[in-house]
Amino acid sequence: MPGFWEITLGGLLGSGIASTVAGALLLRHTRTLESEIARQFDERLRVFESTRLWKEKCLSQLLGPTVMQLARTKHAFERWNSKNLYLEARIVREGNLVIRDLLLNNGHLIPPHLMGDATKLIEHYDRWLEEFDAKRLKDSPATQDAFVFVGPEGFPFPTDSEERITKAFHQLQQELYGRAL
């Protein structure tokens, strides 16, 4: 019959081996979990950084310049009260061209909910620029008397689109940078 010390030593040795194996398995499982958590964190961080970068580019390369040009051309249009070809040719035409080109060249930065608004603005500006060139590039003095309008021809300026783009600019600016001081 085994003695007390043999049983105790056998129990200690067996439990020590079992504890070591259990500890090793637990350590392996813990490292696997740590690795998975780190991978998920890195993935979420990359998505966050990528989304923030897109929003910053959308704001700085598209919405910001577009809103400034919309305000510029709107103020010029409000100032127009008589024949002013400089105002029309330099401010309004250049602004319309810049906005159209911003939208066309930065389509990847247009938020999905503003795609229809961008399309409406592009359509209006295309038609306006076509009409401007047809009227102003002629030498006939009769074509120089009136401001160019394309609204009556079915291409009115989409003020609702302008408002939504301006609103999106302010919302994105607030989201990224908080309230302006």
C-alpha atoms as a PDB file:
ATOM      1  CA  MET A   1       0.000   0.000   0.000  1.00  0.00           C
ATOM      2  CA  PRO A   2       1.345   3.357  -0.948  1.00  0.00           C
ATOM      3  CA  GLY A   3       2.338   5.620   1.884  1.00  0.00           C
ATOM      4  CA  PHE A   4       1.141   9.073   2.749  1.00  0.00           C
ATOM      5  CA  TRP A   5       4.114  10.806   1.160  1.00  0.00           C
ATOM      6  CA  GLU A   6       3.866   8.832  -2.020  1.00  0.00           C
ATOM      7  CA  ILE A   7       0.199   9.723  -2.386  1.00  0.00           C
ATOM      8  CA  THR A   8       0.833  13.359  -1.505  1.00  0.00           C
ATOM      9  CA  LEU A   9       3.822  13.601  -3.846  1.00  0.00           C
ATOM     10  CA  GLY A  10       1.892  11.869  -6.618  1.00  0.00           C
ATOM     11  CA  GLY A  11      -1.072  14.234  -6.088  1.00  0.00           C
ATOM     12  CA  LEU A  12       1.162  17.307  -6.062  1.00  0.00           C
ATOM     13  CA  LEU A  13       3.033  16.151  -9.127  1.00  0.00           C
ATOM     14  CA  GLY A  14      -0.194  15.304 -10.988  1.00  0.00           C
ATOM     15  CA  SER A  15      -1.906  18.550 -10.028  1.00  0.00           C
ATOM     16  CA  GLY A  16       1.229  20.495 -10.920  1.00  0.00           C
ATOM     17  CA  ILE A  17       1.326  18.926 -14.372  1.00  0.00           C
ATOM     18  CA  ALA A  18      -2.418  19.491 -14.816  1.00  0.00           C
ATOM     19  CA  SER A  19      -2.062  23.117 -13.663  1.00  0.00           C
ATOM     20  CA  THR A  20       0.825  23.677 -16.048  1.00  0.00           C
ATOM     21  CA  VAL A  21      -1.117  22.230 -18.972  1.00  0.00           C
ATOM     22  CA  ALA A  22      -4.230  24.222 -18.036  1.00  0.00           C
ATOM     23  CA  GLY A  23      -2.160  27.383 -17.638  1.00  0.00           C
ATOM     24  CA  ALA A  24      -0.495  26.849 -21.010  1.00  0.00           C
ATOM     25  CA  LEU A  25      -3.860  26.293 -22.673  1.00  0.00           C
ATOM     26  CA  LEU A  26      -5.323  29.347 -20.938  1.00  0.00           C
ATOM     27  CA  LEU A  27      -2.319  31.467 -21.942  1.00  0.00           C
ATOM     28  CA  ARG A  28      -2.648  30.296 -25.547  1.00  0.00           C
ATOM     29  CA  HIS A  29      -6.374  31.123 -25.538  1.00  0.00           C
ATOM     30  CA  THR A  30      -5.695  34.526 -23.951  1.00  0.00           C
ATOM     31  CA  ARG A  31      -3.083  35.375 -26.590  1.00  0.00           C
ATOM     32  CA  THR A  32      -5.489  34.302 -29.356  1.00  0.00           C
ATOM     33  CA  LEU A  33      -8.174  36.575 -27.887  1.00  0.00           C
ATOM     34  CA  GLU A  34      -5.709  39.462 -27.520  1.00  0.00           C
ATOM     35  CA  SER A  35      -4.618  39.000 -31.111  1.00  0.00           C
ATOM     36  CA  GLU A  36      -8.235  38.947 -32.353  1.00  0.00           C
ATOM     37  CA  ILE A  37      -9.144  42.027 -30.313  1.00  0.00           C
ATOM     38  CA  ALA A  38      -6.072  43.883 -31.593  1.00  0.00           C
ATOM     39  CA  ARG A  39      -6.925  42.918 -35.186  1.00  0.00           C
ATOM     40  CA  GLN A  40     -10.527  44.106 -34.803  1.00  0.00           C
ATOM     41  CA  PHE A  41      -9.364  47.327 -33.158  1.00  0.00           C
ATOM     42  CA  ASP A  42      -6.863  47.972 -35.944  1.00  0.00           C
ATOM     43  CA  GLU A  43      -9.545  47.287 -38.550  1.00  0.00           C
ATOM     44  CA  ARG A  44     -12.014  49.656 -36.888  1.00  0.00           C
ATOM     45  CA  LEU A  45      -9.306  52.274 -36.499  1.00  0.00           C
ATOM     46  CA  ARG A  46      -8.473  52.009 -40.215  1.00  0.00           C
ATOM     47  CA  VAL A  47     -12.163  52.372 -41.107  1.00  0.00           C
ATOM     48  CA  PHE A  48     -12.490  55.355 -38.774  1.00  0.00           C
ATOM     49  CA  GLU A  49      -9.353  57.006 -40.178  1.00  0.00           C
ATOM     50  CA  SER A  50     -10.431  56.285 -43.745  1.00  0.00           C
ATOM     51  CA  THR A  51     -13.928  57.681 -43.119  1.00  0.00           C
ATOM     52  CA  ARG A  52     -12.551  60.781 -41.410  1.00  0.00           C
ATOM     53  CA  LEU A  53     -10.068  61.344 -44.227  1.00  0.00           C
ATOM     54  CA  TRP A  54     -12.880  61.072 -46.803  1.00  0.00           C
ATOM     55  CA  LYS A  55     -15.002  63.529 -44.818  1.00  0.00           C
ATOM     56  CA  GLU A  56     -12.109  65.978 -44.531  1.00  0.00           C
ATOM     57  CA  LYS A  57     -11.473  65.781 -48.282  1.00  0.00           C
ATOM     58  CA  CYS A  58     -15.189  66.108 -49.012  1.00  0.00           C
ATOM     59  CA  LEU A  59     -15.302  69.246 -46.885  1.00  0.00           C
ATOM     60  CA  SER A  60     -12.063  70.857 -48.052  1.00  0.00           C
ATOM     61  CA  GLN A  61     -11.943  69.843 -51.708  1.00  0.00           C
ATOM     62  CA  LEU A  62     -15.626  69.815 -52.649  1.00  0.00           C
ATOM     63  CA  LEU A  63     -18.241  71.203 -50.295  1.00  0.00           C
ATOM     64  CA  GLY A  64     -16.224  74.149 -48.952  1.00  0.00           C
ATOM     65  CA  PRO A  65     -15.173  75.513 -52.357  1.00  0.00           C
ATOM     66  CA  THR A  66     -18.640  74.812 -53.795  1.00  0.00           C
ATOM     67  CA  VAL A  67     -20.405  76.701 -51.003  1.00  0.00           C
ATOM     68  CA  MET A  68     -18.040  79.650 -51.409  1.00  0.00           C
ATOM     69  CA  GLN A  69     -18.660  79.795 -55.173  1.00  0.00           C
ATOM     70  CA  LEU A  70     -22.425  79.454 -54.661  1.00  0.00           C
ATOM     71  CA  ALA A  71     -22.337  82.411 -52.264  1.00  0.00           C
ATOM     72  CA  ARG A  72     -20.138  84.397 -54.649  1.00  0.00           C
ATOM     73  CA  THR A  73     -22.396  83.906 -57.669  1.00  0.00           C
ATOM     74  CA  LYS A  74     -25.537  84.488 -55.596  1.00  0.00           C
ATOM     75  CA  HIS A  75     -24.219  87.828 -54.356  1.00  0.00           C
ATOM     76  CA  ALA A  76     -23.176  88.807 -57.867  1.00  0.00           C
ATOM     77  CA  PHE A  77     -26.617  87.923 -59.193  1.00  0.00           C
ATOM     78  CA  GLU A  78     -28.240  89.995 -56.433  1.00  0.00           C
ATOM     79  CA  ARG A  79     -26.016  92.983 -57.345  1.00  0.00           C
ATOM     80  CA  TRP A  80     -27.010  92.810 -60.987  1.00  0.00           C
ATOM     81  CA  ASN A  81     -29.576  95.496 -61.744  1.00  0.00           C
ATOM     82  CA  SER A  82     -28.535  96.676 -65.164  1.00  0.00           C
ATOM     83  CA  LYS A  83     -26.277  95.634 -67.997  1.00  0.00           C
ATOM     84  CA  ASN A  84     -23.042  94.573 -66.362  1.00  0.00           C
ATOM     85  CA  LEU A  85     -21.144  92.255 -68.635  1.00  0.00           C
ATOM     86  CA  TYR A  86     -18.125  92.160 -66.358  1.00  0.00           C
ATOM     87  CA  LEU A  87     -20.215  90.924 -63.440  1.00  0.00           C
ATOM     88  CA  GLU A  88     -21.883  88.328 -65.611  1.00  0.00           C
ATOM     89  CA  ALA A  89     -18.790  87.223 -67.530  1.00  0.00           C
ATOM     90  CA  ARG A  90     -16.248  87.285 -64.735  1.00  0.00           C
ATOM     91  CA  ILE A  91     -18.093  86.509 -61.548  1.00  0.00           C
ATOM     92  CA  VAL A  92     -21.161  84.520 -62.562  1.00  0.00           C
ATOM     93  CA  ARG A  93     -19.680  82.631 -65.526  1.00  0.00           C
ATOM     94  CA  GLU A  94     -16.422  81.814 -63.770  1.00  0.00           C
ATOM     95  CA  GLY A  95     -18.282  80.780 -60.615  1.00  0.00           C
ATOM     96  CA  ASN A  96     -20.706  78.589 -62.561  1.00  0.00           C
ATOM     97  CA  LEU A  97     -17.826  76.969 -64.400  1.00  0.00           C
ATOM     98  CA  VAL A  98     -15.862  76.378 -61.190  1.00  0.00           C
ATOM     99  CA  ILE A  99     -18.846  74.806 -59.391  1.00  0.00           C
ATOM    100  CA  ARG A 100     -19.653  72.561 -62.334  1.00  0.00           C
ATOM    101  CA  ASP A 101     -16.031  71.455 -62.622  1.00  0.00           C
ATOM    102  CA  LEU A 102     -15.735  70.878 -58.856  1.00  0.00           C
ATOM    103  CA  LEU A 103     -18.735  68.566 -58.975  1.00  0.00           C
ATOM    104  CA  LEU A 104     -17.580  66.763 -62.111  1.00  0.00           C
ATOM    105  CA  ASN A 105     -13.974  66.337 -60.964  1.00  0.00           C
ATOM    106  CA  ASN A 106     -14.794  65.297 -57.408  1.00  0.00           C
ATOM    107  CA  GLY A 107     -17.682  62.918 -57.944  1.00  0.00           C
ATOM    108  CA  HIS A 108     -16.007  60.434 -55.600  1.00  0.00           C
ATOM    109  CA  LEU A 109     -16.387  62.978 -52.785  1.00  0.00           C
ATOM    110  CA  ILE A 110     -20.081  63.710 -53.322  1.00  0.00           C
ATOM    111  CA  PRO A 111     -22.066  62.204 -50.439  1.00  0.00           C
ATOM    112  CA  PRO A 112     -24.643  59.753 -51.799  1.00  0.00           C
ATOM    113  CA  HIS A 113     -27.588  61.785 -50.500  1.00  0.00           C
ATOM    114  CA  LEU A 114     -26.358  64.810 -52.501  1.00  0.00           C
ATOM    115  CA  MET A 115     -25.766  63.028 -55.820  1.00  0.00           C
ATOM    116  CA  GLY A 116     -29.148  64.097 -57.240  1.00  0.00           C
ATOM    117  CA  ASP A 117     -28.528  67.689 -56.176  1.00  0.00           C
ATOM    118  CA  ALA A 118     -25.097  67.675 -57.795  1.00  0.00           C
ATOM    119  CA  THR A 119     -26.625  66.331 -61.006  1.00  0.00           C
ATOM    120  CA  LYS A 120     -29.249  69.095 -61.021  1.00  0.00           C
ATOM    121  CA  LEU A 121     -26.592  71.776 -60.560  1.00  0.00           C
ATOM    122  CA  ILE A 122     -24.395  70.301 -63.297  1.00  0.00           C
ATOM    123  CA  GLU A 123     -27.352  70.173 -65.672  1.00  0.00           C
ATOM    124  CA  HIS A 124     -28.268  73.793 -64.913  1.00  0.00           C
ATOM    125  CA  TYR A 125     -24.679  75.012 -65.293  1.00  0.00           C
ATOM    126  CA  ASP A 126     -24.132  73.078 -68.521  1.00  0.00           C
ATOM    127  CA  ARG A 127     -27.215  74.660 -70.017  1.00  0.00           C
ATOM    128  CA  TRP A 128     -26.369  78.124 -68.649  1.00  0.00           C
ATOM    129  CA  LEU A 129     -22.813  77.989 -70.005  1.00  0.00           C
ATOM    130  CA  GLU A 130     -24.122  76.801 -73.375  1.00  0.00           C
ATOM    131  CA  GLU A 131     -26.577  79.724 -73.494  1.00  0.00           C
ATOM    132  CA  PHE A 132     -23.957  82.205 -72.299  1.00  0.00           C
ATOM    133  CA  ASP A 133     -21.538  81.158 -75.016  1.00  0.00           C
ATOM    134  CA  ALA A 134     -24.284  81.305 -77.655  1.00  0.00           C
ATOM    135  CA  LYS A 135     -25.329  84.814 -76.631  1.00  0.00           C
ATOM    136  CA  ARG A 136     -22.090  86.420 -75.586  1.00  0.00           C
ATOM    137  CA  LEU A 137     -19.715  85.031 -78.146  1.00  0.00           C
ATOM    138  CA  LYS A 138     -21.755  86.512 -80.959  1.00  0.00           C
ATOM    139  CA  ASP A 139     -20.874  89.980 -82.173  1.00  0.00           C
ATOM    140  CA  SER A 140     -24.503  91.073 -82.310  1.00  0.00           C
ATOM    141  CA  PRO A 141     -25.188  93.969 -79.891  1.00  0.00           C
ATOM    142  CA  ALA A 142     -28.764  92.700 -79.405  1.00  0.00           C
ATOM    143  CA  THR A 143     -27.449  89.651 -77.552  1.00  0.00           C
ATOM    144  CA  GLN A 144     -25.473  91.818 -75.135  1.00  0.00           C
ATOM    145  CA  ASP A 145     -28.478  93.524 -73.522  1.00  0.00           C
ATOM    146  CA  ALA A 146     -29.979  90.890 -71.243  1.00  0.00           C
ATOM    147  CA  PHE A 147     -28.628  88.774 -68.475  1.00  0.00           C
ATOM    148  CA  VAL A 148     -28.445  85.093 -69.426  1.00  0.00           C
ATOM    149  CA  PHE A 149     -31.299  83.050 -67.952  1.00  0.00           C
ATOM    150  CA  VAL A 150     -32.089  79.428 -68.681  1.00  0.00           C
ATOM    151  CA  GLY A 151     -34.918  78.968 -66.201  1.00  0.00           C
ATOM    152  CA  PRO A 152     -37.640  79.791 -68.716  1.00  0.00           C
ATOM    153  CA  GLU A 153     -36.165  77.134 -71.008  1.00  0.00           C
ATOM    154  CA  GLY A 154     -36.714  74.437 -68.395  1.00  0.00           C
ATOM    155  CA  PHE A 155     -33.422  74.698 -66.512  1.00  0.00           C
ATOM    156  CA  PRO A 156     -34.122  76.888 -63.462  1.00  0.00           C
ATOM    157  CA  PHE A 157     -31.469  77.229 -60.811  1.00  0.00           C
ATOM    158  CA  PRO A 158     -32.075  74.423 -58.280  1.00  0.00           C
ATOM    159  CA  THR A 159     -32.232  76.497 -55.084  1.00  0.00           C
ATOM    160  CA  ASP A 160     -33.275  73.443 -53.064  1.00  0.00           C
ATOM    161  CA  SER A 161     -30.073  71.695 -54.164  1.00  0.00           C
ATOM    162  CA  GLU A 162     -28.016  74.723 -53.189  1.00  0.00           C
ATOM    163  CA  GLU A 163     -29.642  74.706 -49.747  1.00  0.00           C
ATOM    164  CA  ARG A 164     -29.015  70.989 -49.196  1.00  0.00           C
ATOM    165  CA  ILE A 165     -25.374  71.263 -50.244  1.00  0.00           C
ATOM    166  CA  THR A 166     -24.844  74.269 -47.969  1.00  0.00           C
ATOM    167  CA  LYS A 167     -26.570  72.454 -45.105  1.00  0.00           C
ATOM    168  CA  ALA A 168     -24.418  69.355 -45.652  1.00  0.00           C
ATOM    169  CA  PHE A 169     -21.301  71.554 -45.612  1.00  0.00           C
ATOM    170  CA  HIS A 170     -22.248  73.074 -42.251  1.00  0.00           C
ATOM    171  CA  GLN A 171     -23.209  69.701 -40.760  1.00  0.00           C
ATOM    172  CA  LEU A 172     -19.966  68.064 -41.848  1.00  0.00           C
ATOM    173  CA  GLN A 173     -17.935  71.020 -40.641  1.00  0.00           C
ATOM    174  CA  GLN A 174     -19.680  70.780 -37.250  1.00  0.00           C
ATOM    175  CA  GLU A 175     -19.148  67.011 -37.098  1.00  0.00           C
ATOM    176  CA  LEU A 176     -15.436  67.226 -37.862  1.00  0.00           C
ATOM    177  CA  TYR A 177     -14.399  70.402 -36.087  1.00  0.00           C
ATOM    178  CA  GLY A 178     -17.182  71.322 -33.689  1.00  0.00           C
ATOM    179  CA  ARG A 179     -18.728  74.722 -33.294  1.00  0.00           C
ATOM    180  CA  ALA A 180     -16.833  77.666 -34.686  1.00  0.00           C
ATOM    181  CA  LEU A 181     -15.798  80.191 -32.097  1.00  0.00           C
END
